[in-house]
């Protein structure tokens, strides 16, 4: 895989993912402007993850059968339609439908692109390098999409935040996925793997039955749970300590920047350490950071813990994606990617509800300590991944 081709893949994912992240900022603000309650906004936000939960496995199977372009074209179509509908009819019911379309599109594109990157790599080292770079795309989209939407909402209309500004913001977001299609319209398909088993005999439970894949999904869920707990608890902890909103935002920004920076440095780590070693060290360090978090009183100490969490949790995803291509059957790597995506989106949908119930009993500090304990116990399963060996070039993987 050439550097130029990888840059196109990263840029394409940023474009289609930014449409979703930008809408995820604009749609709740518009719903509040229209007079809807915070509970209604919560339902609206949940729809972005809900569609991904139900469509992840079909998207992965489609990528296994048809490669990159058909799933990507469907994702681009859904993203353009979702944002355009919100621009044409900015009412709550349409915003809900837009959220379903945009959430499904971002997830489908991500699965297809990750599978394509994994199958295009020539060996395990190149795969780790490629996944380290492709993992930067969601972080960049989380910055670019809300920035574009926020600037247009504030400055594109006659008055900041009027309905015309929202329409323009959604229209601009609808144009971003078209750039994704243009960047990859001539991208060659990755080599397809021959299907060993009859399609009718395949079930997702066959994949779940693989011990190494279960360990990987556990490691990925631990990372997702810690990420969600930090996102959920940090505003509460900052509010309890009387921190200003801008300070809390800076702490969350430090976490996001650290997660992006470590993914840029991962190509160096990937040459020196095995994937399981990076996952194991990151999980233990994240547990230590969560243990220390409640003991830090000022923003500087909290910022150090937030940065450490970003560095550790940001390192896990590329390593999990690389190992997934080793443990999954060659003809079902897209389905394995989809299974990972399903568990992450289901966790992101359910964990905040659980965190709220636990936090009401233990307090914010207790919640951090409980999550740290789960990370410490769950990390014991990671060394079992040391038995995973890379497939040799020219095997059925390609």
Protein backbone atom coordinates (compact mmCIF):
# COMPACT_ATOMS: atom_id res chain seq x y z
CA UNK A 1 0.00 0.00 0.00
CA UNK A 2 1.47 3.34 -1.04
CA UNK A 3 1.65 6.36 1.24
CA UNK A 4 -0.50 8.32 -1.20
CA UNK A 5 -3.16 5.62 -1.22
CA UNK A 6 -3.22 5.49 2.56
CA UNK A 7 -3.56 9.29 2.72
CA UNK A 8 -6.59 9.08 0.41
CA UNK A 9 -8.18 6.44 2.63
CA UNK A 10 -7.63 8.52 5.77
CA UNK A 11 -8.96 11.68 4.09
CA UNK A 12 -11.99 9.84 2.73
CA UNK A 13 -12.94 8.49 6.15
CA UNK A 14 -12.53 11.96 7.67
CA UNK A 15 -14.97 13.35 5.08
CA UNK A 16 -17.75 10.81 5.59
CA UNK A 17 -17.26 10.65 9.37
CA UNK A 18 -17.27 14.45 9.72
CA UNK A 19 -20.80 14.59 8.30
CA UNK A 20 -21.95 12.47 11.24
CA UNK A 21 -19.96 14.28 13.94
CA UNK A 22 -21.02 17.68 12.66
CA UNK A 23 -24.66 16.64 12.63
CA UNK A 24 -24.26 15.22 16.13
CA UNK A 25 -23.50 18.77 17.26
CA UNK A 26 -26.01 20.63 15.08
CA UNK A 27 -29.05 18.36 15.52
CA UNK A 28 -29.25 18.54 19.35
CA UNK A 29 -28.74 22.31 19.29
CA UNK A 30 -31.52 22.69 16.74
CA UNK A 31 -33.81 20.41 18.76
CA UNK A 32 -33.26 22.57 21.85
CA UNK A 33 -33.90 25.68 19.77
CA UNK A 34 -37.19 24.17 18.62
CA UNK A 35 -38.23 23.72 22.25
CA UNK A 36 -37.62 20.01 22.80
CA UNK A 37 -36.55 18.70 26.20
CA UNK A 38 -33.19 17.31 27.27
CA UNK A 39 -34.76 13.83 27.32
CA UNK A 40 -35.75 14.19 23.66
CA UNK A 41 -32.21 15.31 22.83
CA UNK A 42 -30.89 12.21 24.59
CA UNK A 43 -33.06 10.00 22.41
CA UNK A 44 -31.86 11.87 19.33
CA UNK A 45 -28.20 11.32 20.25
CA UNK A 46 -28.80 7.64 21.01
CA UNK A 47 -30.07 7.08 17.47
CA UNK A 48 -26.60 7.74 16.04
CA UNK A 49 -25.34 4.60 17.82
CA UNK A 50 -28.53 2.57 17.59
CA UNK A 51 -28.49 2.24 13.80
CA UNK A 52 -24.86 1.12 13.92
CA UNK A 53 -25.73 -1.67 16.37
CA UNK A 54 -28.30 -3.22 14.03
CA UNK A 55 -26.51 -2.65 10.73
CA UNK A 56 -22.92 -3.48 11.68
CA UNK A 57 -23.05 -7.22 10.86
CA UNK A 58 -24.88 -6.80 7.53
CA UNK A 59 -22.35 -4.10 6.59
CA UNK A 60 -19.43 -6.37 7.45
CA UNK A 61 -20.85 -9.29 5.47
CA UNK A 62 -21.50 -7.02 2.50
CA UNK A 63 -17.86 -5.85 2.61
CA UNK A 64 -16.68 -9.48 2.70
CA UNK A 65 -18.76 -10.31 -0.38
CA UNK A 66 -18.41 -7.15 -2.45
CA UNK A 67 -15.26 -5.37 -1.28
CA UNK A 68 -14.86 -1.63 -0.81
CA UNK A 69 -16.89 0.28 -3.36
CA UNK A 70 -20.47 -0.96 -2.94
CA UNK A 71 -20.57 -0.50 0.87
CA UNK A 72 -18.80 2.85 0.52
CA UNK A 73 -21.21 4.09 -2.15
CA UNK A 74 -24.18 3.07 -0.01
CA UNK A 75 -22.63 4.86 2.99
CA UNK A 76 -22.04 8.04 0.97
CA UNK A 77 -25.61 7.96 -0.34
CA UNK A 78 -27.03 7.54 3.17
CA UNK A 79 -24.84 10.33 4.57
CA UNK A 80 -25.78 12.79 1.82
CA UNK A 81 -29.47 11.91 2.17
CA UNK A 82 -29.41 12.22 5.96
CA UNK A 83 -27.77 15.64 6.06
CA UNK A 84 -29.77 16.93 3.07
CA UNK A 85 -33.08 15.91 4.65
CA UNK A 86 -32.19 17.84 7.78
CA UNK A 87 -31.35 20.88 5.64
CA UNK A 88 -34.63 20.71 3.71
CA UNK A 89 -36.98 19.87 6.61
CA UNK A 90 -35.39 20.91 9.93
CA UNK A 91 -38.03 19.37 12.20
CA UNK A 92 -37.49 16.89 15.04
CA UNK A 93 -38.88 13.79 13.30
CA UNK A 94 -36.63 14.37 10.29
CA UNK A 95 -33.65 14.99 12.58
CA UNK A 96 -34.26 11.55 14.11
CA UNK A 97 -34.31 9.93 10.68
CA UNK A 98 -31.19 11.89 9.74
CA UNK A 99 -29.43 10.59 12.86
CA UNK A 100 -30.21 6.99 11.90
CA UNK A 101 -28.91 7.50 8.34
CA UNK A 102 -25.75 9.34 9.36
CA UNK A 103 -24.90 6.89 12.14
CA UNK A 104 -25.35 3.95 9.79
CA UNK A 105 -23.32 5.61 7.04
CA UNK A 106 -20.32 6.42 9.25
CA UNK A 107 -20.27 2.89 10.66
CA UNK A 108 -20.64 1.19 7.27
CA UNK A 109 -17.87 3.29 5.73
CA UNK A 110 -15.57 2.64 8.69
CA UNK A 111 -16.02 -1.14 8.48
CA UNK A 112 -15.44 -1.20 4.71
CA UNK A 113 -12.37 1.02 4.92
CA UNK A 114 -10.82 -0.88 7.84
CA UNK A 115 -11.31 -4.19 6.06
CA UNK A 116 -9.83 -2.74 2.86
CA UNK A 117 -6.78 -1.42 4.70
CA UNK A 118 -6.18 -4.75 6.43
CA UNK A 119 -6.45 -6.79 3.25
CA UNK A 120 -4.31 -4.37 1.23
CA UNK A 121 -1.37 -4.67 3.63
CA UNK A 122 1.36 -7.11 2.57
CA UNK A 123 2.42 -8.27 6.04
CA UNK A 124 1.73 -7.79 9.75
CA UNK A 125 4.18 -4.89 10.09
CA UNK A 126 2.60 -2.94 7.24
CA UNK A 127 -0.84 -3.69 8.65
CA UNK A 128 0.04 -2.26 12.08
CA UNK A 129 1.48 0.83 10.40
CA UNK A 130 -1.61 1.31 8.22
CA UNK A 131 -4.05 0.90 11.10
CA UNK A 132 -2.07 3.38 13.19
CA UNK A 133 -2.68 6.00 10.52
CA UNK A 134 -6.28 5.09 9.68
CA UNK A 135 -7.17 5.35 13.38
CA UNK A 136 -6.39 9.08 13.21
CA UNK A 137 -9.41 9.63 10.94
CA UNK A 138 -12.18 9.39 13.59
CA UNK A 139 -10.24 11.70 15.93
CA UNK A 140 -9.77 14.23 13.14
CA UNK A 141 -13.45 13.97 12.20
CA UNK A 142 -14.47 14.56 15.82
CA UNK A 143 -12.65 17.87 15.54
CA UNK A 144 -13.47 18.89 11.95
CA UNK A 145 -17.19 18.08 11.82
CA UNK A 146 -18.29 20.00 14.93
CA UNK A 147 -15.97 22.89 14.02
CA UNK A 148 -17.50 23.26 10.55
CA UNK A 149 -21.04 22.95 11.88
CA UNK A 150 -20.44 25.33 14.77
CA UNK A 151 -18.85 28.04 12.64
CA UNK A 152 -21.68 27.90 10.08
CA UNK A 153 -24.39 27.96 12.75
CA UNK A 154 -22.83 31.05 14.31
CA UNK A 155 -21.89 32.95 11.15
CA UNK A 156 -23.77 31.70 8.06
CA UNK A 157 -27.18 33.20 8.81
CA UNK A 158 -28.46 36.75 9.29
CA UNK A 159 -28.37 36.11 13.04
CA UNK A 160 -26.20 33.59 14.94
CA UNK A 161 -28.10 30.35 15.39
CA UNK A 162 -31.13 31.17 13.25
CA UNK A 163 -32.89 28.51 11.18
CA UNK A 164 -31.22 29.56 7.93
CA UNK A 165 -27.79 29.04 9.49
CA UNK A 166 -28.75 25.52 10.52
CA UNK A 167 -29.95 24.76 7.00
CA UNK A 168 -26.63 25.96 5.56
CA UNK A 169 -24.69 23.91 8.11
CA UNK A 170 -26.56 20.71 7.22
CA UNK A 171 -26.14 21.43 3.50
CA UNK A 172 -22.38 21.81 3.96
CA UNK A 173 -22.26 18.54 5.89
CA UNK A 174 -24.15 16.84 3.04
CA UNK A 175 -21.36 17.86 0.64
CA UNK A 176 -18.55 16.29 2.70
CA UNK A 177 -19.37 12.62 1.86
CA UNK A 178 -19.19 13.47 -1.84
CA UNK A 179 -15.52 14.28 -1.29
CA UNK A 180 -15.11 10.78 0.18
CA UNK A 181 -16.59 9.26 -2.99
CA UNK A 182 -14.36 11.41 -5.23
CA UNK A 183 -11.18 10.49 -3.35
CA UNK A 184 -11.77 6.74 -3.65
CA UNK A 185 -13.71 6.47 -6.90
CA UNK A 186 -10.72 4.82 -8.66
CA UNK A 187 -9.24 2.97 -5.70
CA UNK A 188 -8.40 -0.64 -6.62
CA UNK A 189 -10.17 -3.35 -4.72
CA UNK A 190 -8.14 -5.33 -2.20
CA UNK A 191 -7.65 -9.02 -3.00
CA UNK A 192 -10.68 -11.05 -2.03
CA UNK A 193 -10.29 -14.18 0.07
CA UNK A 194 -11.92 -17.39 -1.18
CA UNK A 195 -14.83 -18.48 0.96
CA UNK A 196 -13.98 -21.79 2.61
CA UNK A 197 -17.34 -22.52 4.23
CA UNK A 198 -20.73 -22.44 2.47
CA UNK A 199 -22.40 -19.12 3.13
CA UNK A 200 -25.48 -20.80 4.56
CA UNK A 201 -23.46 -22.52 7.31
CA UNK A 202 -21.87 -19.34 8.61
CA UNK A 203 -23.11 -17.70 11.77
CA UNK A 204 -21.77 -14.88 13.88
CA UNK A 205 -21.55 -17.39 16.74
CA UNK A 206 -18.84 -19.21 14.78
CA UNK A 207 -16.72 -16.08 15.14
CA UNK A 208 -17.60 -15.59 18.80
CA UNK A 209 -16.51 -19.19 19.36
CA UNK A 210 -12.90 -18.34 18.48
CA UNK A 211 -11.03 -17.90 21.80
CA UNK A 212 -8.57 -15.32 20.44
CA UNK A 213 -11.39 -13.25 18.97
CA UNK A 214 -13.24 -13.29 22.30
CA UNK A 215 -10.10 -12.02 24.03
CA UNK A 216 -9.78 -9.25 21.46
CA UNK A 217 -13.40 -8.21 21.86
CA UNK A 218 -12.91 -8.15 25.63
CA UNK A 219 -9.81 -5.94 25.28
CA UNK A 220 -11.68 -3.64 22.93
CA UNK A 221 -14.69 -3.46 25.25
CA UNK A 222 -12.45 -2.58 28.19
CA UNK A 223 -11.02 0.32 26.18
CA UNK A 224 -14.50 1.44 25.10
CA UNK A 225 -15.86 1.24 28.66
CA UNK A 226 -12.96 3.29 30.07
CA UNK A 227 -13.37 5.86 27.27
CA UNK A 228 -17.11 6.17 27.90
CA UNK A 229 -16.66 6.39 31.67
CA UNK A 230 -14.19 9.26 31.31
CA UNK A 231 -16.52 11.11 28.92
CA UNK A 232 -19.45 10.58 31.29
CA UNK A 233 -17.78 11.26 34.65
CA UNK A 234 -15.38 14.11 33.87
CA UNK A 235 -18.08 16.83 33.56
CA UNK A 236 -19.67 15.61 36.79
CA UNK A 237 -16.36 15.53 38.64
CA UNK A 238 -15.41 18.96 37.32
CA UNK A 239 -18.79 20.39 38.34
CA UNK A 240 -18.45 18.92 41.83
CA UNK A 241 -15.09 20.67 42.18
CA UNK A 242 -16.37 24.01 40.92
CA UNK A 243 -14.37 24.07 37.69
CA UNK A 244 -15.52 26.39 34.91
CA UNK A 245 -17.01 24.91 31.75
CA UNK A 246 -14.03 26.08 29.70
CA UNK A 247 -11.65 24.24 32.04
CA UNK A 248 -13.69 21.03 31.77
CA UNK A 249 -13.70 21.43 28.00
CA UNK A 250 -9.92 21.87 28.02
CA UNK A 251 -9.53 18.66 30.04
CA UNK A 252 -11.65 16.76 27.51
CA UNK A 253 -9.66 18.37 24.72
CA UNK A 254 -6.41 17.18 26.31
CA UNK A 255 -7.79 13.63 26.30
CA UNK A 256 -8.78 13.81 22.61
CA UNK A 257 -5.50 15.39 21.51
CA UNK A 258 -3.47 12.79 23.41
CA UNK A 259 -5.48 9.97 21.79
CA UNK A 260 -4.75 11.42 18.34
CA UNK A 261 -1.06 12.04 19.04
CA UNK A 262 -0.37 8.53 20.28
CA UNK A 263 -1.84 7.13 17.08
CA UNK A 264 0.64 9.19 15.12
CA UNK A 265 3.46 7.73 17.24
CA UNK A 266 2.22 4.14 17.03
CA UNK A 267 4.17 3.32 13.85
CA UNK A 268 7.35 3.61 15.95
CA UNK A 269 5.93 1.45 18.76
CA UNK A 270 4.55 -1.08 16.29
CA UNK A 271 8.06 -1.85 15.03
CA UNK A 272 9.34 -2.68 18.55
CA UNK A 273 6.42 -4.29 20.36
CA UNK A 274 3.81 -6.92 19.58
CA UNK A 275 0.19 -5.85 19.49
CA UNK A 276 -0.72 -7.73 22.68
CA UNK A 277 2.11 -6.00 24.57
CA UNK A 278 0.81 -2.55 23.62
CA UNK A 279 -2.78 -3.52 24.57
CA UNK A 280 -1.66 -5.03 27.89
CA UNK A 281 0.47 -2.05 28.93
CA UNK A 282 -2.20 0.44 27.83
CA UNK A 283 -4.94 -1.34 29.81
CA UNK A 284 -2.89 -1.40 33.03
CA UNK A 285 -1.80 2.24 32.66
CA UNK A 286 -5.41 3.29 32.03
CA UNK A 287 -6.44 1.49 35.24
CA UNK A 288 -3.74 3.38 37.18
CA UNK A 289 -4.86 6.71 35.70
CA UNK A 290 -8.48 6.05 36.69
CA UNK A 291 -7.40 5.07 40.21
CA UNK A 292 -5.46 8.32 40.58
CA UNK A 293 -8.07 10.59 38.98
CA UNK A 294 -10.31 11.13 42.06
CA UNK A 295 -7.28 12.01 44.21
CA UNK A 296 -6.30 14.94 41.95
CA UNK A 297 -7.92 18.14 43.15
CA UNK A 298 -6.79 20.84 40.72
CA UNK A 299 -7.06 21.13 36.93
CA UNK A 300 -3.34 20.46 36.44
CA UNK A 301 -3.47 17.04 38.10
CA UNK A 302 -6.74 16.20 36.36
CA UNK A 303 -5.18 17.30 33.07
CA UNK A 304 -2.24 14.93 33.58
CA UNK A 305 -4.60 12.03 34.27
CA UNK A 306 -6.76 12.97 31.27
CA UNK A 307 -3.70 13.09 29.02
CA UNK A 308 -2.44 9.72 30.30
CA UNK A 309 -5.85 8.18 29.66
CA UNK A 310 -5.89 9.58 26.12
CA UNK A 311 -2.42 8.20 25.41
CA UNK A 312 -3.23 4.73 26.73
CA UNK A 313 -6.75 4.28 25.38
CA UNK A 314 -5.87 5.80 22.01
CA UNK A 315 -3.19 3.15 21.51
CA UNK A 316 -5.53 0.17 21.82
CA UNK A 317 -7.78 0.45 18.75
CA UNK A 318 -5.12 0.15 16.00
CA UNK A 319 -3.58 -2.88 17.72
CA UNK A 320 -6.99 -4.57 18.06
CA UNK A 321 -7.75 -3.93 14.38
CA UNK A 322 -4.40 -5.41 13.35
CA UNK A 323 -4.89 -8.56 15.43
CA UNK A 324 -8.46 -8.98 14.19
CA UNK A 325 -7.07 -9.63 10.73
CA UNK A 326 -4.89 -12.37 12.14
CA UNK A 327 -7.49 -14.25 14.19
CA UNK A 328 -10.55 -13.93 11.92
CA UNK A 329 -11.06 -16.31 8.98
CA UNK A 330 -9.74 -14.59 5.84
CA UNK A 331 -13.13 -14.58 4.11
CA UNK A 332 -14.89 -13.09 7.17
CA UNK A 333 -12.62 -10.25 8.25
CA UNK A 334 -15.27 -7.65 7.44
CA UNK A 335 -17.76 -9.53 9.60
CA UNK A 336 -15.20 -9.58 12.44
CA UNK A 337 -14.75 -5.81 12.09
CA UNK A 338 -18.52 -5.46 12.22
CA UNK A 339 -18.73 -7.59 15.38
CA UNK A 340 -16.19 -5.28 17.03
CA UNK A 341 -18.19 -2.24 15.91
CA UNK A 342 -21.43 -3.76 17.20
CA UNK A 343 -20.01 -4.36 20.68
CA UNK A 344 -18.55 -0.84 20.84
CA UNK A 345 -21.77 0.89 19.78
CA UNK A 346 -23.88 -1.27 22.08
CA UNK A 347 -21.53 -0.38 24.93
CA UNK A 348 -21.69 3.33 24.10
CA UNK A 349 -25.49 3.09 24.12
CA UNK A 350 -25.83 1.13 27.39
CA UNK A 351 -22.85 2.14 29.53
CA UNK A 352 -23.96 5.74 30.28
CA UNK A 353 -27.22 4.37 31.67
CA UNK A 354 -25.30 1.94 33.88
CA UNK A 355 -22.79 4.60 34.91
CA UNK A 356 -25.61 6.86 36.01
CA UNK A 357 -27.11 4.14 38.22
CA UNK A 358 -23.76 3.19 39.77
CA UNK A 359 -22.65 6.79 40.22
CA UNK A 360 -25.81 7.61 42.13
CA UNK A 361 -24.75 5.04 44.74
CA UNK A 362 -20.95 5.28 44.79
CA UNK A 363 -20.35 8.87 43.68
CA UNK A 364 -18.08 9.91 40.83
CA UNK A 365 -14.88 8.79 42.58
CA UNK A 366 -16.29 5.34 43.27
CA UNK A 367 -17.29 4.94 39.63
CA UNK A 368 -13.73 5.65 38.49
CA UNK A 369 -12.39 3.08 40.96
CA UNK A 370 -14.89 0.42 39.86
CA UNK A 371 -13.95 0.89 36.20
CA UNK A 372 -10.25 0.77 37.13
CA UNK A 373 -10.84 -2.53 38.94
CA UNK A 374 -12.64 -4.00 35.91
CA UNK A 375 -9.71 -2.94 33.70
CA UNK A 376 -7.20 -4.53 36.04
CA UNK A 377 -9.07 -7.83 36.17
CA UNK A 378 -9.82 -7.86 32.44
CA UNK A 379 -6.18 -7.17 31.54
CA UNK A 380 -5.30 -10.68 32.71
CA UNK A 381 -6.83 -12.07 29.51
CA UNK A 382 -4.64 -10.00 27.18
CA UNK A 383 -1.36 -12.00 27.43
CA UNK A 384 -3.26 -14.95 25.97
CA UNK A 385 -3.09 -13.09 22.65
CA UNK A 386 0.68 -13.72 22.53
CA UNK A 387 -0.05 -17.05 20.81
CA UNK A 388 -1.50 -15.26 17.76
CA UNK A 389 1.03 -15.51 14.93
CA UNK A 390 0.98 -13.40 11.77
CA UNK A 391 -0.05 -15.11 8.56
CA UNK A 392 2.75 -15.28 6.03
CA UNK A 393 2.47 -13.19 2.86
CA UNK A 394 0.89 -15.08 0.01
CA UNK A 395 -1.31 -17.20 2.27
CA UNK A 396 -5.08 -17.30 2.07
CA UNK A 397 -5.14 -13.98 3.84
CA UNK A 398 -4.52 -12.26 0.52
